[in-house]
C-alpha atoms as a PDB file:
ATOM      1  CA  MET A   1     114.815 110.438  84.609  1.00  0.00           C
ATOM      2  CA  ALA A   2     112.952 108.549  81.889  1.00  0.00           C
ATOM      3  CA  GLU A   3     110.223 110.396  80.048  1.00  0.00           C
ATOM      4  CA  GLY A   4     107.548 108.059  81.430  1.00  0.00           C
ATOM      5  CA  GLU A   5     108.710 108.658  85.006  1.00  0.00           C
ATOM      6  CA  TRP A   6     108.814 112.431  84.432  1.00  0.00           C
ATOM      7  CA  ARG A   7     105.230 112.297  83.240  1.00  0.00           C
ATOM      8  CA  LEU A   8     104.204 110.142  86.199  1.00  0.00           C
ATOM      9  CA  ALA A   9     105.702 112.658  88.562  1.00  0.00           C
ATOM     10  CA  ALA A  10     103.606 115.289  86.879  1.00  0.00           C
ATOM     11  CA  LEU A  11     100.541 113.112  87.265  1.00  0.00           C
ATOM     12  CA  SER A  12     101.027 112.469  90.966  1.00  0.00           C
ATOM     13  CA  SER A  13      99.100 114.352  93.579  1.00  0.00           C
ATOM     14  CA  ARG A  14     100.815 117.020  95.639  1.00  0.00           C
ATOM     15  CA  GLY A  15     103.754 115.891  97.805  1.00  0.00           C
ATOM     16  CA  LEU A  16     104.259 112.132  98.286  1.00  0.00           C
ATOM     17  CA  GLY A  17     107.015 112.276 100.907  1.00  0.00           C
ATOM     18  CA  SER A  18     110.770 112.731 101.135  1.00  0.00           C
ATOM     19  CA  ALA A  19     111.648 109.189 100.086  1.00  0.00           C
ATOM     20  CA  HIS A  20     110.292 109.855  96.613  1.00  0.00           C
ATOM     21  CA  GLN A  21     110.930 113.554  96.087  1.00  0.00           C
ATOM     22  CA  PHE A  22     112.781 112.771  92.888  1.00  0.00           C
ATOM     23  CA  THR A  23     109.535 111.544  91.315  1.00  0.00           C
ATOM     24  CA  MET A  24     107.546 114.635  92.127  1.00  0.00           C
ATOM     25  CA  LYS A  25     108.649 117.328  89.640  1.00  0.00           C
ATOM     26  CA  PRO A  26     106.729 118.792  87.988  1.00  0.00           C
ATOM     27  CA  LEU A  27     103.232 118.293  89.460  1.00  0.00           C
ATOM     28  CA  SER A  28     101.157 120.350  87.068  1.00  0.00           C
ATOM     29  CA  LEU A  29     100.204 117.563  84.625  1.00  0.00           C
ATOM     30  CA  LEU A  30      98.590 115.315  87.221  1.00  0.00           C
ATOM     31  CA  ALA A  31      96.731 118.242  88.709  1.00  0.00           C
ATOM     32  CA  ALA A  32      95.498 119.158  85.238  1.00  0.00           C
ATOM     33  CA  LEU A  33      94.398 115.599  84.456  1.00  0.00           C
ATOM     34  CA  LEU A  34      92.602 115.057  87.737  1.00  0.00           C
ATOM     35  CA  VAL A  35      90.936 118.401  88.211  1.00  0.00           C
ATOM     36  CA  THR A  36      88.927 118.063  85.026  1.00  0.00           C
ATOM     37  CA  ALA A  37      86.465 115.596  86.473  1.00  0.00           C
ATOM     38  CA  SER A  38      86.841 114.542  90.081  1.00  0.00           C
ATOM     39  CA  PHE A  39      84.221 112.875  92.248  1.00  0.00           C
ATOM     40  CA  SER A  40      82.143 115.261  94.328  1.00  0.00           C
ATOM     41  CA  LEU A  41      82.198 115.010  98.117  1.00  0.00           C
ATOM     42  CA  SER A  42      79.429 116.066 100.438  1.00  0.00           C
ATOM     43  CA  ALA A  43      80.427 118.519 103.129  1.00  0.00           C
ATOM     44  CA  ALA A  44      79.615 115.964 105.815  1.00  0.00           C
ATOM     45  CA  GLU A  45      81.646 113.121 104.291  1.00  0.00           C
ATOM     46  CA  LYS A  46      84.678 112.148 106.372  1.00  0.00           C
ATOM     47  CA  PRO A  47      87.823 111.838 104.257  1.00  0.00           C
ATOM     48  CA  ILE A  48      88.965 108.296 103.541  1.00  0.00           C
ATOM     49  CA  LEU A  49      92.227 107.397 105.316  1.00  0.00           C
ATOM     50  CA  ASP A  50      91.797 110.470 107.486  1.00  0.00           C
ATOM     51  CA  GLY A  51      95.154 111.510 108.949  1.00  0.00           C
ATOM     52  CA  VAL A  52      97.110 108.936 106.925  1.00  0.00           C
ATOM     53  CA  LYS A  53     100.021 110.154 104.800  1.00  0.00           C
ATOM     54  CA  ARG A  54     101.839 106.912 104.001  1.00  0.00           C
ATOM     55  CA  VAL A  55     100.418 103.441 103.382  1.00  0.00           C
ATOM     56  CA  VAL A  56     102.780 100.453 103.214  1.00  0.00           C
ATOM     57  CA  ILE A  57     101.484  97.239 101.633  1.00  0.00           C
ATOM     58  CA  LEU A  58     103.161  94.032 102.824  1.00  0.00           C
ATOM     59  CA  GLY A  59     102.750  90.571 101.365  1.00  0.00           C
ATOM     60  CA  ASP A  60     104.255  87.877  99.188  1.00  0.00           C
ATOM     61  CA  SER A  61     104.664  87.544  95.406  1.00  0.00           C
ATOM     62  CA  ILE A  62     101.028  88.463  94.771  1.00  0.00           C
ATOM     63  CA  THR A  63     101.592  91.783  96.499  1.00  0.00           C
ATOM     64  CA  TYR A  64     104.972  92.205  94.821  1.00  0.00           C
ATOM     65  CA  ALA A  65     103.299  91.714  91.416  1.00  0.00           C
ATOM     66  CA  GLY A  66     101.421  94.775  92.543  1.00  0.00           C
ATOM     67  CA  ALA A  67      98.491  95.165  90.166  1.00  0.00           C
ATOM     68  CA  TYR A  68      96.023  95.385  93.033  1.00  0.00           C
ATOM     69  CA  VAL A  69      98.166  98.067  94.688  1.00  0.00           C
ATOM     70  CA  GLU A  70      98.151 100.041  91.434  1.00  0.00           C
ATOM     71  CA  PHE A  71      94.353  99.784  91.220  1.00  0.00           C
ATOM     72  CA  ILE A  72      93.942 100.955  94.825  1.00  0.00           C
ATOM     73  CA  GLU A  73      96.193 103.957  94.293  1.00  0.00           C
ATOM     74  CA  THR A  74      94.450 104.816  91.026  1.00  0.00           C
ATOM     75  CA  TRP A  75      91.059 104.718  92.750  1.00  0.00           C
ATOM     76  CA  PHE A  76      92.321 106.945  95.540  1.00  0.00           C
ATOM     77  CA  ARG A  77      93.893 109.526  93.239  1.00  0.00           C
ATOM     78  CA  LEU A  78      90.824 109.706  91.026  1.00  0.00           C
ATOM     79  CA  ARG A  79      88.571 109.917  94.080  1.00  0.00           C
ATOM     80  CA  PHE A  80      90.677 112.353  96.119  1.00  0.00           C
ATOM     81  CA  PRO A  81      92.970 114.287  93.736  1.00  0.00           C
ATOM     82  CA  ASP A  82      93.875 116.813  96.421  1.00  0.00           C
ATOM     83  CA  ARG A  83      94.869 114.261  99.080  1.00  0.00           C
ATOM     84  CA  ALA A  84      98.602 113.594  99.499  1.00  0.00           C
ATOM     85  CA  VAL A  85      98.737 109.924 100.481  1.00  0.00           C
ATOM     86  CA  GLU A  86     101.679 107.762  99.435  1.00  0.00           C
ATOM     87  CA  PHE A  87     101.199 104.052  98.631  1.00  0.00           C
ATOM     88  CA  ILE A  88     104.353 101.922  98.917  1.00  0.00           C
ATOM     89  CA  ASP A  89     104.426  98.280  97.776  1.00  0.00           C
ATOM     90  CA  ILE A  90     107.005  96.329  99.809  1.00  0.00           C
ATOM     91  CA  GLY A  91     105.827  92.825  98.920  1.00  0.00           C
ATOM     92  CA  LEU A  92     108.478  90.095  98.763  1.00  0.00           C
ATOM     93  CA  PRO A  93     108.095  86.928  96.637  1.00  0.00           C
ATOM     94  CA  SER A  94     107.885  83.626  98.548  1.00  0.00           C
ATOM     95  CA  GLU A  95     107.604  85.388 101.917  1.00  0.00           C
ATOM     96  CA  THR A  96     105.624  84.017 104.852  1.00  0.00           C
ATOM     97  CA  VAL A  97     104.470  85.464 108.149  1.00  0.00           C
ATOM     98  CA  SER A  98     104.638  81.980 109.699  1.00  0.00           C
ATOM     99  CA  GLY A  99     108.410  81.607 109.302  1.00  0.00           C
ATOM    100  CA  LEU A 100     107.961  78.178 107.714  1.00  0.00           C
ATOM    101  CA  SER A 101     109.572  76.809 104.580  1.00  0.00           C
ATOM    102  CA  GLU A 102     109.305  73.499 102.769  1.00  0.00           C
ATOM    103  CA  ASP A 103     112.299  71.312 101.980  1.00  0.00           C
ATOM    104  CA  GLY A 104     113.785  72.090  98.585  1.00  0.00           C
ATOM    105  CA  HIS A 105     112.308  75.554  98.259  1.00  0.00           C
ATOM    106  CA  ALA A 106     113.934  77.398  95.324  1.00  0.00           C
ATOM    107  CA  GLY A 107     115.690  74.195  94.371  1.00  0.00           C
ATOM    108  CA  GLY A 108     117.255  74.013  97.799  1.00  0.00           C
ATOM    109  CA  LYS A 109     119.105  77.314  97.329  1.00  0.00           C
ATOM    110  CA  PHE A 110     117.405  79.141 100.215  1.00  0.00           C
ATOM    111  CA  PRO A 111     114.369  78.866 102.508  1.00  0.00           C
ATOM    112  CA  ARG A 112     111.326  81.049 102.155  1.00  0.00           C
ATOM    113  CA  PRO A 113     111.887  84.579 103.461  1.00  0.00           C
ATOM    114  CA  ASP A 114     110.402  85.250 106.891  1.00  0.00           C
ATOM    115  CA  LEU A 115     108.703  88.650 107.231  1.00  0.00           C
ATOM    116  CA  HIS A 116     109.944  88.999 110.799  1.00  0.00           C
ATOM    117  CA  GLU A 117     113.571  88.984 109.680  1.00  0.00           C
ATOM    118  CA  ARG A 118     113.006  92.291 107.882  1.00  0.00           C
ATOM    119  CA  LEU A 119     109.947  93.775 109.567  1.00  0.00           C
ATOM    120  CA  SER A 120     111.768  96.061 112.006  1.00  0.00           C
ATOM    121  CA  ARG A 121     113.803  97.524 109.143  1.00  0.00           C
ATOM    122  CA  VAL A 122     110.728  97.969 106.959  1.00  0.00           C
ATOM    123  CA  LEU A 123     108.848  99.860 109.654  1.00  0.00           C
ATOM    124  CA  ALA A 124     111.851 101.967 110.678  1.00  0.00           C
ATOM    125  CA  GLN A 125     112.703 103.002 107.129  1.00  0.00           C
ATOM    126  CA  SER A 126     109.247 103.414 105.604  1.00  0.00           C
ATOM    127  CA  LYS A 127     107.568 104.965 108.688  1.00  0.00           C
ATOM    128  CA  PRO A 128     103.998 104.096 107.649  1.00  0.00           C
ATOM    129  CA  ASP A 129     100.860 105.515 109.191  1.00  0.00           C
ATOM    130  CA  LEU A 130      98.952 102.480 107.924  1.00  0.00           C
ATOM    131  CA  VAL A 131     100.037  98.969 106.972  1.00  0.00           C
ATOM    132  CA  ILE A 132      97.919  96.713 104.754  1.00  0.00           C
ATOM    133  CA  ALA A 133      99.151  93.122 105.108  1.00  0.00           C
ATOM    134  CA  CYS A 134      98.142  90.142 102.974  1.00  0.00           C
ATOM    135  CA  TYR A 135      99.660  86.848 104.136  1.00  0.00           C
ATOM    136  CA  GLY A 136      98.665  83.209 104.205  1.00  0.00           C
ATOM    137  CA  MET A 137      99.163  81.905 100.687  1.00  0.00           C
ATOM    138  CA  ASN A 138     102.667  80.593 101.443  1.00  0.00           C
ATOM    139  CA  CYS A 139     102.282  80.231 105.184  1.00  0.00           C
ATOM    140  CA  GLY A 140     100.928  76.677 105.196  1.00  0.00           C
ATOM    141  CA  ILE A 141     103.669  75.699 102.681  1.00  0.00           C
ATOM    142  CA  TYR A 142     101.127  74.054 100.363  1.00  0.00           C
ATOM    143  CA  LEU A 143     100.310  71.106 102.634  1.00  0.00           C
ATOM    144  CA  PRO A 144      97.011  69.891 104.086  1.00  0.00           C
ATOM    145  CA  PHE A 145      95.901  71.587 107.285  1.00  0.00           C
ATOM    146  CA  ALA A 146      97.979  70.877 110.385  1.00  0.00           C
ATOM    147  CA  GLU A 147      97.527  72.475 113.783  1.00  0.00           C
ATOM    148  CA  GLU A 148     101.251  73.145 114.306  1.00  0.00           C
ATOM    149  CA  ARG A 149     101.522  75.081 111.038  1.00  0.00           C
ATOM    150  CA  PHE A 150      98.306  76.926 111.814  1.00  0.00           C
ATOM    151  CA  ALA A 151      99.761  77.964 115.184  1.00  0.00           C
ATOM    152  CA  LYS A 152     102.821  79.412 113.445  1.00  0.00           C
ATOM    153  CA  TYR A 153     100.561  81.452 111.162  1.00  0.00           C
ATOM    154  CA  ARG A 154      98.566  82.822 114.082  1.00  0.00           C
ATOM    155  CA  GLU A 155     101.719  83.667 116.030  1.00  0.00           C
ATOM    156  CA  GLY A 156     103.216  85.404 113.008  1.00  0.00           C
ATOM    157  CA  ILE A 157     100.129  87.534 112.412  1.00  0.00           C
ATOM    158  CA  GLU A 158     100.023  88.550 116.081  1.00  0.00           C
ATOM    159  CA  ARG A 159     103.740  89.458 116.018  1.00  0.00           C
ATOM    160  CA  LEU A 160     103.146  91.589 112.923  1.00  0.00           C
ATOM    161  CA  ARG A 161     100.261  93.344 114.619  1.00  0.00           C
ATOM    162  CA  LYS A 162     102.287  94.104 117.765  1.00  0.00           C
ATOM    163  CA  ALA A 163     105.241  95.400 115.738  1.00  0.00           C
ATOM    164  CA  CYS A 164     102.992  97.790 113.822  1.00  0.00           C
ATOM    165  CA  ALA A 165     101.410  99.044 117.040  1.00  0.00           C
ATOM    166  CA  ALA A 166     104.845  99.604 118.590  1.00  0.00           C
ATOM    167  CA  SER A 167     105.875 101.665 115.557  1.00  0.00           C
ATOM    168  CA  GLY A 168     102.725 103.781 115.743  1.00  0.00           C
ATOM    169  CA  ALA A 169     101.159 102.355 112.568  1.00  0.00           C
ATOM    170  CA  LYS A 170      97.599 101.126 112.202  1.00  0.00           C
ATOM    171  CA  ILE A 171      97.161  97.816 110.406  1.00  0.00           C
ATOM    172  CA  ILE A 172      94.529  96.325 108.139  1.00  0.00           C
ATOM    173  CA  HIS A 173      94.805  92.552 107.762  1.00  0.00           C
ATOM    174  CA  VAL A 174      93.742  90.908 104.500  1.00  0.00           C
ATOM    175  CA  THR A 175      92.712  87.267 104.220  1.00  0.00           C
ATOM    176  CA  PRO A 176      94.746  85.164 101.755  1.00  0.00           C
ATOM    177  CA  PRO A 177      93.635  85.007  98.123  1.00  0.00           C
ATOM    178  CA  THR A 178      91.974  81.847  96.899  1.00  0.00           C
ATOM    179  CA  PHE A 179      94.103  78.797  96.069  1.00  0.00           C
ATOM    180  CA  ASP A 180      92.834  76.894  93.026  1.00  0.00           C
ATOM    181  CA  GLU A 181      93.515  73.172  93.445  1.00  0.00           C
ATOM    182  CA  VAL A 182      92.281  72.495  89.907  1.00  0.00           C
ATOM    183  CA  LYS A 183      95.160  74.524  88.471  1.00  0.00           C
ATOM    184  CA  GLY A 184      97.680  74.256  91.294  1.00  0.00           C
ATOM    185  CA  GLY A 185      97.273  70.727  92.575  1.00  0.00           C
ATOM    186  CA  LYS A 186      98.267  70.369  96.250  1.00  0.00           C
ATOM    187  CA  PRO A 187      95.107  68.577  97.425  1.00  0.00           C
ATOM    188  CA  GLY A 188      93.743  69.949 100.659  1.00  0.00           C
ATOM    189  CA  TYR A 189      95.506  73.293 100.510  1.00  0.00           C
ATOM    190  CA  GLY A 190      92.343  75.134  99.628  1.00  0.00           C
ATOM    191  CA  ASN A 191      90.878  73.959 102.938  1.00  0.00           C
ATOM    192  CA  THR A 192      94.037  75.077 104.742  1.00  0.00           C
ATOM    193  CA  LEU A 193      93.577  78.621 103.519  1.00  0.00           C
ATOM    194  CA  ASP A 194      89.854  78.474 104.308  1.00  0.00           C
ATOM    195  CA  ARG A 195      90.802  77.779 107.925  1.00  0.00           C
ATOM    196  CA  TYR A 196      93.406  80.544 108.010  1.00  0.00           C
ATOM    197  CA  ALA A 197      90.931  83.040 106.554  1.00  0.00           C
ATOM    198  CA  ASP A 198      88.182  82.021 108.992  1.00  0.00           C
ATOM    199  CA  TRP A 199      90.493  82.573 111.962  1.00  0.00           C
ATOM    200  CA  LEU A 200      91.565  85.984 110.716  1.00  0.00           C
ATOM    201  CA  LEU A 201      87.958  87.041 110.140  1.00  0.00           C
ATOM    202  CA  GLY A 202      87.159  85.885 113.662  1.00  0.00           C
ATOM    203  CA  GLN A 203      89.526  88.517 115.028  1.00  0.00           C
ATOM    204  CA  ARG A 204      87.081  91.219 113.978  1.00  0.00           C
ATOM    205  CA  LYS A 205      85.348  90.477 117.287  1.00  0.00           C
ATOM    206  CA  ALA A 206      88.501  91.731 119.022  1.00  0.00           C
ATOM    207  CA  GLY A 207      88.411  94.969 117.040  1.00  0.00           C
ATOM    208  CA  TRP A 208      90.846  94.018 114.289  1.00  0.00           C
ATOM    209  CA  GLU A 209      90.331  95.563 110.852  1.00  0.00           C
ATOM    210  CA  VAL A 210      90.166  92.598 108.473  1.00  0.00           C
ATOM    211  CA  VAL A 211      89.352  92.641 104.763  1.00  0.00           C
ATOM    212  CA  ASP A 212      87.920  89.399 103.422  1.00  0.00           C
ATOM    213  CA  LEU A 213      88.992  88.703  99.885  1.00  0.00           C
ATOM    214  CA  HIS A 214      89.286  84.922 100.321  1.00  0.00           C
ATOM    215  CA  GLY A 215      85.540  84.366 100.452  1.00  0.00           C
ATOM    216  CA  PRO A 216      84.613  86.686  97.567  1.00  0.00           C
ATOM    217  CA  MET A 217      87.368  85.225  95.376  1.00  0.00           C
ATOM    218  CA  ASN A 218      86.287  81.665  96.147  1.00  0.00           C
ATOM    219  CA  ARG A 219      82.690  82.492  95.301  1.00  0.00           C
ATOM    220  CA  TYR A 220      83.627  84.335  92.115  1.00  0.00           C
ATOM    221  CA  LEU A 221      85.814  81.455  90.928  1.00  0.00           C
ATOM    222  CA  ALA A 222      83.096  78.901  91.659  1.00  0.00           C
ATOM    223  CA  ALA A 223      80.423  80.932  89.864  1.00  0.00           C
ATOM    224  CA  GLN A 224      82.547  81.492  86.772  1.00  0.00           C
ATOM    225  CA  ARG A 225      83.738  77.894  86.612  1.00  0.00           C
ATOM    226  CA  ALA A 226      80.154  76.680  86.800  1.00  0.00           C
ATOM    227  CA  LYS A 227      79.577  78.551  83.528  1.00  0.00           C
ATOM    228  CA  ASP A 228      82.961  77.704  82.003  1.00  0.00           C
ATOM    229  CA  PRO A 229      84.925  74.764  83.438  1.00  0.00           C
ATOM    230  CA  LYS A 230      88.112  76.156  81.915  1.00  0.00           C
ATOM    231  CA  PHE A 231      87.863  79.486  83.748  1.00  0.00           C
ATOM    232  CA  PHE A 232      90.634  80.399  86.184  1.00  0.00           C
ATOM    233  CA  LEU A 233      91.945  83.336  88.183  1.00  0.00           C
ATOM    234  CA  ALA A 234      95.459  81.908  88.493  1.00  0.00           C
ATOM    235  CA  GLY A 235      97.036  79.675  85.891  1.00  0.00           C
ATOM    236  CA  ASP A 236      99.236  78.033  88.511  1.00  0.00           C
ATOM    237  CA  GLY A 237      96.588  78.146  91.219  1.00  0.00           C
ATOM    238  CA  VAL A 238      98.428  80.894  93.118  1.00  0.00           C
ATOM    239  CA  HIS A 239      99.458  83.964  91.099  1.00  0.00           C
ATOM    240  CA  CYS A 240      96.254  85.609  89.998  1.00  0.00           C
ATOM    241  CA  ASN A 241      95.665  87.412  86.737  1.00  0.00           C
ATOM    242  CA  GLU A 242      94.331  90.939  86.294  1.00  0.00           C
ATOM    243  CA  THR A 243      90.807  89.843  87.159  1.00  0.00           C
ATOM    244  CA  GLY A 244      92.063  88.340  90.403  1.00  0.00           C
ATOM    245  CA  HIS A 245      94.015  91.475  91.259  1.00  0.00           C
ATOM    246  CA  TRP A 246      90.919  93.579  90.622  1.00  0.00           C
ATOM    247  CA  LEU A 247      88.917  91.375  92.998  1.00  0.00           C
ATOM    248  CA  ILE A 248      91.599  91.947  95.668  1.00  0.00           C
ATOM    249  CA  ALA A 249      91.688  95.700  95.062  1.00  0.00           C
ATOM    250  CA  LYS A 250      87.900  95.923  95.044  1.00  0.00           C
ATOM    251  CA  GLN A 251      87.517  94.365  98.500  1.00  0.00           C
ATOM    252  CA  ILE A 252      90.184  96.626  99.988  1.00  0.00           C
ATOM    253  CA  ILE A 253      88.684  99.718  98.351  1.00  0.00           C
ATOM    254  CA  LEU A 254      85.251  98.791  99.701  1.00  0.00           C
ATOM    255  CA  HIS A 255      86.761  98.479 103.175  1.00  0.00           C
ATOM    256  CA  LEU A 256      88.288 101.931 102.782  1.00  0.00           C
ATOM    257  CA  GLY A 257      84.861 103.333 102.009  1.00  0.00           C
ATOM    258  CA  GLY A 258      84.828 103.260  98.222  1.00  0.00           C
ATOM    259  CA  LYS A 259      81.249 102.076  97.814  1.00  0.00           C
ATOM    260  CA  GLU A 260      81.212 103.298  94.224  1.00  0.00           C
ATOM    261  CA  VAL A 261      83.289 100.283  93.096  1.00  0.00           C
ATOM    262  CA  ALA A 262      80.739  97.741  94.348  1.00  0.00           C
ATOM    263  CA  GLY A 263      79.249  97.156  90.905  1.00  0.00           C
ATOM    264  CA  MET A 264      82.505  97.413  88.947  1.00  0.00           C
ATOM    265  CA  GLU A 265      83.524  94.162  87.271  1.00  0.00           C
ATOM    266  CA  ASN A 266      87.067  95.199  86.365  1.00  0.00           C
ATOM    267  CA  ALA A 267      89.652  97.969  86.462  1.00  0.00           C
ATOM    268  CA  LYS A 268      88.441  99.292  83.116  1.00  0.00           C
ATOM    269  CA  ALA A 269      85.218 100.317  84.815  1.00  0.00           C
ATOM    270  CA  LEU A 270      87.249 102.205  87.409  1.00  0.00           C
ATOM    271  CA  VAL A 271      89.315 104.242  84.956  1.00  0.00           C
ATOM    272  CA  ALA A 272      86.194 104.922  82.897  1.00  0.00           C
ATOM    273  CA  THR A 273      84.864 107.065  85.777  1.00  0.00           C
ATOM    274  CA  HIS A 274      87.346 109.817  84.874  1.00  0.00           C
ATOM    275  CA  PRO A 275      88.196 111.210  81.419  1.00  0.00           C
ATOM    276  CA  ASN A 276      91.919 110.816  82.194  1.00  0.00           C
ATOM    277  CA  GLY A 277      91.587 107.641  84.241  1.00  0.00           C
ATOM    278  CA  GLU A 278      93.481 105.419  81.826  1.00  0.00           C
ATOM    279  CA  ALA A 279      96.424 107.837  81.647  1.00  0.00           C
ATOM    280  CA  VAL A 280      96.557 108.124  85.429  1.00  0.00           C
ATOM    281  CA  LEU A 281      96.590 104.321  85.841  1.00  0.00           C
ATOM    282  CA  LYS A 282      99.352 103.933  83.280  1.00  0.00           C
ATOM    283  CA  LEU A 283     101.632 106.413  85.027  1.00  0.00           C
ATOM    284  CA  ILE A 284     100.904 104.983  88.460  1.00  0.00           C
ATOM    285  CA  GLN A 285     101.875 101.575  87.074  1.00  0.00           C
ATOM    286  CA  GLN A 286     105.160 102.953  85.759  1.00  0.00           C
ATOM    287  CA  ARG A 287     106.058 104.534  89.078  1.00  0.00           C
ATOM    288  CA  GLN A 288     104.954 101.611  91.248  1.00  0.00           C
ATOM    289  CA  ARG A 289     106.885  99.103  89.147  1.00  0.00           C
ATOM    290  CA  MET A 290     110.060 101.122  89.463  1.00  0.00           C
ATOM    291  CA  LEU A 291     109.811 102.022  93.127  1.00  0.00           C
ATOM    292  CA  LYS A 292     108.955  98.539  94.408  1.00  0.00           C
ATOM    293  CA  ASP A 293     112.433  97.420  93.277  1.00  0.00           C
ATOM    294  CA  ALA A 294     114.072 100.494  94.798  1.00  0.00           C
END
């Protein structure tokens, strides 16, 4: 085991689960780092993610990149150092929930991966209590809005939801990140994702848990670009930078009850809330970046 991974294991909170036992010895360093200055909880406050032991995050290359997952886990460990909740990033680059793929994807070598080809295996092997799923960016295959593609997206999301329910896992849906036509081209695709996000948000009326990051990211990008026309969240219009990942993490954390992040502009503000916050983030990054390829 590399020294950095050994130290991460020591930083992790007590007991992450059998799949990652090899990362969990020793535990004393994390306990020491986190106990020095943890957030206080009122006696009446209900624990966040009550009853959840394992969270699986599904999505495409943005999820696979994983910075927002690392920020969420860092927030949780700083906020609840005694809670044993495991966060597993199982994002897959290029994946869709719609099952669609454009001609010539990957130079014609293979079509876009379809989540439903692997979903039963993911759920059976990871056994999550909660799934957080962020799809849509690839699902319209970068074309202007079309009803037949939209139908495939809706069907795919509903299939994902039913599969999670059948496995006993709760699910939180996340609207797709913003697509920047200025940097990414593909005229009309921003409107496509607007439509997908609006539909997903509409399912809240049916009792679905849905996090909106599409709207906040669109508004943030517009506000910043009004001040600086060269500003961007994603150099290619799709794959967001650290600021974009923080905006994603922030909306999910707020949904999970982390009201304290509302005024935080970046991840630096998060780690600054704890004297060992930066060290905890660094070790979570090391572990997440190894395990997501395992």
